[in-house]
């Protein structure tokens, strides 16, 4: 997929919409469905948002 006209797999290449970036790294014949198997469990994290502070003065504490 094009991102600012630059290939996501090769930063020195202009995107020619070959869609090679859409295929799975582990199963080259499969289009990526975001299963995250390629990330391994240690490569990504999640955070839980407990509160949103709208007051700039209170936000300075953090």
N, C-alpha and C. Protein backbone atom coordinates (compact mmCIF):
# COMPACT_ATOMS: atom_id res chain seq x y z
N UNK A 1 0.84 -1.19 0.00
CA UNK A 1 0.00 0.00 0.00
C UNK A 1 0.88 1.25 0.00
N UNK A 2 0.47 2.23 -0.73
CA UNK A 2 1.25 3.44 -0.86
C UNK A 2 1.14 4.30 0.39
N UNK A 3 2.28 4.76 0.85
CA UNK A 3 2.33 5.67 1.98
C UNK A 3 3.24 6.81 1.57
N UNK A 4 2.67 7.95 1.26
CA UNK A 4 3.43 9.11 0.80
C UNK A 4 4.22 8.81 -0.46
N UNK A 5 3.77 7.87 -1.28
CA UNK A 5 4.43 7.57 -2.53
C UNK A 5 5.69 6.74 -2.41
N UNK A 6 6.04 6.30 -1.19
CA UNK A 6 7.27 5.54 -0.96
C UNK A 6 6.91 4.09 -0.63
N UNK A 7 7.66 3.15 -1.19
CA UNK A 7 7.46 1.73 -0.93
C UNK A 7 7.71 1.43 0.55
N UNK A 8 6.83 0.66 1.16
CA UNK A 8 6.99 0.33 2.57
C UNK A 8 8.06 -0.72 2.81
N UNK A 9 8.44 -1.47 1.78
CA UNK A 9 9.44 -2.50 1.93
C UNK A 9 10.84 -2.01 1.56
N UNK A 10 10.91 -0.96 0.75
CA UNK A 10 12.19 -0.41 0.30
C UNK A 10 12.07 1.10 0.24
N UNK A 11 12.65 1.79 1.22
CA UNK A 11 12.51 3.24 1.33
C UNK A 11 13.14 4.00 0.17
N UNK A 12 13.99 3.34 -0.60
CA UNK A 12 14.63 4.00 -1.73
C UNK A 12 13.81 3.86 -3.02
N UNK A 13 12.68 3.16 -2.95
CA UNK A 13 11.86 2.88 -4.13
C UNK A 13 10.54 3.66 -4.04
N UNK A 14 10.08 4.16 -5.17
CA UNK A 14 8.77 4.79 -5.24
C UNK A 14 7.73 3.68 -5.39
N UNK A 15 6.62 3.81 -4.67
CA UNK A 15 5.57 2.79 -4.72
C UNK A 15 5.01 2.66 -6.14
N UNK A 16 5.03 1.43 -6.66
CA UNK A 16 4.44 1.18 -7.97
C UNK A 16 3.19 0.30 -7.84
N UNK A 17 2.64 0.24 -6.63
CA UNK A 17 1.43 -0.49 -6.30
C UNK A 17 1.50 -1.98 -6.67
N UNK A 18 2.67 -2.59 -6.45
CA UNK A 18 2.83 -4.01 -6.72
C UNK A 18 2.13 -4.87 -5.67
N UNK A 19 1.83 -4.28 -4.53
CA UNK A 19 1.13 -4.90 -3.40
C UNK A 19 1.90 -6.05 -2.76
N UNK A 20 3.20 -6.10 -2.95
CA UNK A 20 4.02 -7.11 -2.30
C UNK A 20 3.98 -6.93 -0.78
N UNK A 21 3.77 -5.72 -0.31
CA UNK A 21 3.70 -5.43 1.12
C UNK A 21 2.43 -5.99 1.77
N UNK A 22 1.48 -6.43 0.97
CA UNK A 22 0.22 -6.95 1.50
C UNK A 22 0.29 -8.43 1.87
N UNK A 23 1.38 -9.10 1.52
CA UNK A 23 1.48 -10.54 1.74
C UNK A 23 2.14 -10.88 3.07
N UNK A 24 1.75 -12.00 3.64
CA UNK A 24 2.24 -12.50 4.93
C UNK A 24 3.73 -12.82 4.85
N UNK A 25 4.47 -12.48 5.90
CA UNK A 25 5.90 -12.80 5.96
C UNK A 25 6.13 -14.29 6.17
N UNK A 26 5.23 -14.95 6.89
CA UNK A 26 5.41 -16.37 7.21
C UNK A 26 4.86 -17.29 6.12
N UNK A 27 3.79 -16.85 5.46
CA UNK A 27 3.15 -17.64 4.40
C UNK A 27 3.04 -16.75 3.17
N UNK A 28 4.06 -16.76 2.32
CA UNK A 28 4.13 -15.82 1.20
C UNK A 28 2.96 -15.85 0.22
N UNK A 29 2.18 -16.90 0.19
CA UNK A 29 1.04 -16.96 -0.72
C UNK A 29 -0.25 -16.42 -0.10
N UNK A 30 -0.19 -16.00 1.17
CA UNK A 30 -1.37 -15.53 1.90
C UNK A 30 -1.33 -14.01 2.04
N UNK A 31 -2.47 -13.37 1.78
CA UNK A 31 -2.57 -11.93 2.01
C UNK A 31 -2.70 -11.72 3.51
N UNK A 32 -1.99 -10.75 4.05
CA UNK A 32 -1.98 -10.49 5.49
C UNK A 32 -3.39 -10.21 6.00
N UNK A 33 -3.75 -10.87 7.10
CA UNK A 33 -5.04 -10.63 7.73
C UNK A 33 -4.86 -10.13 9.17
N UNK A 34 -3.67 -9.63 9.47
CA UNK A 34 -3.33 -9.09 10.78
C UNK A 34 -3.48 -10.10 11.91
N UNK A 35 -3.09 -11.34 11.66
CA UNK A 35 -3.16 -12.37 12.70
C UNK A 35 -2.06 -12.20 13.75
N UNK A 36 -1.02 -11.46 13.42
CA UNK A 36 0.10 -11.11 14.32
C UNK A 36 1.00 -12.30 14.66
N UNK A 37 0.89 -13.41 13.99
CA UNK A 37 1.79 -14.54 14.24
C UNK A 37 3.24 -14.16 13.97
N UNK A 38 3.46 -13.28 13.03
CA UNK A 38 4.83 -12.88 12.67
C UNK A 38 5.47 -11.99 13.73
N UNK A 39 4.69 -11.42 14.62
CA UNK A 39 5.23 -10.52 15.64
C UNK A 39 5.82 -11.24 16.84
N UNK A 40 5.44 -12.47 17.06
CA UNK A 40 5.83 -13.22 18.24
C UNK A 40 5.29 -12.48 19.46
N UNK A 41 5.06 -13.18 20.52
CA UNK A 41 4.40 -12.58 21.68
C UNK A 41 5.22 -11.48 22.35
N UNK A 42 6.53 -11.50 22.24
CA UNK A 42 7.37 -10.54 22.94
C UNK A 42 7.52 -9.22 22.19
N UNK A 43 7.06 -9.12 20.95
CA UNK A 43 7.33 -7.95 20.14
C UNK A 43 6.28 -6.84 20.22
N UNK A 44 5.17 -7.08 20.84
CA UNK A 44 4.16 -6.03 20.93
C UNK A 44 3.56 -5.99 22.32
N UNK A 45 3.08 -4.82 22.67
CA UNK A 45 2.53 -4.58 24.00
C UNK A 45 1.21 -3.84 23.88
N UNK A 46 0.49 -3.77 24.97
CA UNK A 46 -0.76 -3.01 25.02
C UNK A 46 -0.80 -2.24 26.33
N UNK A 47 -1.46 -1.13 26.32
CA UNK A 47 -1.64 -0.35 27.54
C UNK A 47 -3.13 -0.11 27.74
N UNK A 48 -3.51 0.06 28.98
CA UNK A 48 -4.90 0.37 29.30
C UNK A 48 -4.97 1.83 29.73
N UNK A 49 -5.87 2.57 29.14
CA UNK A 49 -6.05 3.97 29.51
C UNK A 49 -7.07 4.03 30.63
N UNK A 50 -6.64 4.52 31.79
CA UNK A 50 -7.49 4.56 32.97
C UNK A 50 -8.26 5.87 33.07
N UNK A 51 -7.67 6.96 32.55
CA UNK A 51 -8.31 8.26 32.70
C UNK A 51 -7.72 9.21 31.68
N UNK A 52 -8.50 10.22 31.30
CA UNK A 52 -8.03 11.28 30.42
C UNK A 52 -8.09 12.57 31.21
N UNK A 53 -6.96 13.23 31.34
CA UNK A 53 -6.88 14.47 32.11
C UNK A 53 -7.03 15.64 31.16
N UNK A 54 -8.09 16.40 31.32
CA UNK A 54 -8.37 17.54 30.46
C UNK A 54 -7.81 18.85 31.02
N UNK A 55 -7.60 18.91 32.32
CA UNK A 55 -7.10 20.12 32.97
C UNK A 55 -5.58 20.21 32.81
N UNK A 56 -5.09 21.24 32.12
CA UNK A 56 -3.63 21.36 31.89
C UNK A 56 -2.80 21.41 33.19
N UNK A 57 -3.37 21.99 34.23
CA UNK A 57 -2.63 22.07 35.50
C UNK A 57 -2.45 20.67 36.12
N UNK A 58 -3.48 19.87 36.09
CA UNK A 58 -3.39 18.50 36.62
C UNK A 58 -2.45 17.66 35.75
N UNK A 59 -2.45 17.91 34.45
CA UNK A 59 -1.63 17.13 33.53
C UNK A 59 -0.14 17.38 33.77
N UNK A 60 0.22 18.54 34.32
CA UNK A 60 1.63 18.86 34.57
C UNK A 60 2.25 17.91 35.59
N UNK A 61 1.43 17.33 36.47
CA UNK A 61 1.94 16.38 37.46
C UNK A 61 2.50 15.14 36.79
N UNK A 62 1.96 14.79 35.64
CA UNK A 62 2.35 13.57 34.97
C UNK A 62 3.33 13.84 33.89
